[in-house]
Protein backbone atom coordinates (compact mmCIF):
# COMPACT_ATOMS: atom_id res chain seq x y z
CA MET A 1 -3.95 -37.99 16.81
CA PHE A 2 0.07 -38.27 16.18
CA SER A 3 2.46 -37.46 18.42
CA LEU A 4 4.37 -34.74 17.64
CA ALA A 5 7.13 -37.54 16.84
CA GLU A 6 4.91 -40.19 14.95
CA LEU A 7 4.34 -37.06 12.46
CA HIS A 8 8.08 -36.84 12.02
CA ALA A 9 8.37 -40.59 11.44
CA GLN A 10 5.20 -40.63 8.87
CA LEU A 11 6.03 -37.60 6.96
CA GLY A 12 10.14 -39.14 7.23
CA ALA A 13 8.20 -42.96 5.54
CA PHE A 14 5.78 -39.93 2.97
CA ARG A 15 9.41 -38.34 1.52
CA ALA A 16 10.89 -42.08 1.34
CA LYS A 17 8.45 -43.21 -0.89
CA LEU A 18 8.68 -39.39 -3.28
CA ALA A 19 12.18 -40.43 -3.25
CA GLU A 20 11.53 -43.64 -4.64
CA ALA A 21 9.26 -42.22 -7.47
CA THR A 22 10.90 -39.51 -8.11
CA GLU A 23 13.83 -42.27 -8.75
CA HIS A 24 11.49 -44.44 -10.80
CA THR A 25 10.08 -41.78 -13.19
CA ASN A 26 13.93 -40.07 -13.90
CA ARG A 27 14.65 -43.77 -14.96
CA ALA A 28 11.48 -43.53 -16.56
CA VAL A 29 13.04 -40.56 -18.74
CA GLU A 30 16.62 -42.12 -19.29
CA LEU A 31 14.62 -45.21 -20.87
CA LEU A 32 12.99 -42.98 -22.92
CA ASP A 33 16.05 -41.18 -24.45
CA GLU A 34 17.70 -44.11 -24.85
CA ALA A 35 14.50 -45.56 -27.29
CA ARG A 36 14.57 -42.44 -29.14
CA GLU A 37 18.63 -42.72 -29.89
CA THR A 38 18.00 -46.24 -30.50
CA ILE A 39 14.91 -45.74 -33.18
CA VAL A 40 17.12 -42.64 -34.68
CA THR A 41 20.29 -44.80 -34.60
CA ALA A 42 18.08 -47.65 -36.66
CA PHE A 43 16.75 -45.53 -39.30
CA GLU A 44 20.41 -43.59 -39.90
CA GLN A 45 18.26 -40.61 -41.62
CA ALA A 46 18.47 -37.12 -42.39
CA GLU A 47 15.23 -36.79 -40.69
CA PRO A 48 14.26 -40.31 -38.89
CA TRP A 49 10.68 -40.84 -37.52
CA VAL A 50 10.41 -40.86 -33.94
CA PRO A 51 6.96 -41.91 -32.15
CA PRO A 52 5.00 -38.79 -31.21
CA GLN A 53 3.78 -40.69 -28.39
CA LEU A 54 7.13 -40.77 -27.18
CA ALA A 55 7.81 -37.20 -26.84
CA LEU A 56 4.32 -37.00 -25.38
CA ALA A 57 5.06 -39.72 -22.83
CA GLU A 58 8.91 -38.04 -22.06
CA GLU A 59 6.90 -34.54 -21.32
CA ARG A 60 4.56 -36.52 -18.79
CA LEU A 61 7.07 -37.94 -17.10
CA ARG A 62 9.25 -34.89 -16.84
CA GLN A 63 5.85 -32.84 -15.48
CA ASP A 64 5.29 -36.34 -12.87
CA ALA A 65 8.99 -36.03 -11.95
CA GLY A 66 8.53 -31.81 -10.98
CA ARG A 67 5.12 -32.75 -9.41
CA LEU A 68 7.33 -34.96 -7.01
CA ALA A 69 9.86 -32.71 -6.50
CA ALA A 70 7.36 -30.33 -5.18
CA ALA A 71 5.52 -31.99 -3.01
CA ASP A 72 8.55 -32.75 -1.47
CA ASP A 73 9.49 -29.42 -1.16
CA LEU A 74 6.01 -28.87 0.39
CA VAL A 75 6.25 -31.99 2.99
CA SER A 76 9.86 -30.94 3.74
CA GLY A 77 9.02 -26.85 4.66
CA TYR A 78 6.01 -28.51 6.35
CA GLN A 79 8.27 -30.78 8.11
CA ALA A 80 10.54 -28.34 9.22
CA SER A 81 8.24 -25.95 10.84
CA LEU A 82 6.98 -28.59 13.32
């Protein structure tokens, strides 16, 4: 069993990993936005074709970012209650 200090340290390390995962997820969303802009600019059409997978990937990444934020909130609340 962990002591209180060890538990705080473990939760702090976990939250650091959550923050890192959030940064990577947010960067992936930015890259997808850049890809969309590049596709639209390259075609220069009134209705440019954008792969449907691009929107799906962006939606899923945004959902992942939301889940990571929720997990961080839960862990933060738990850690604060210790």
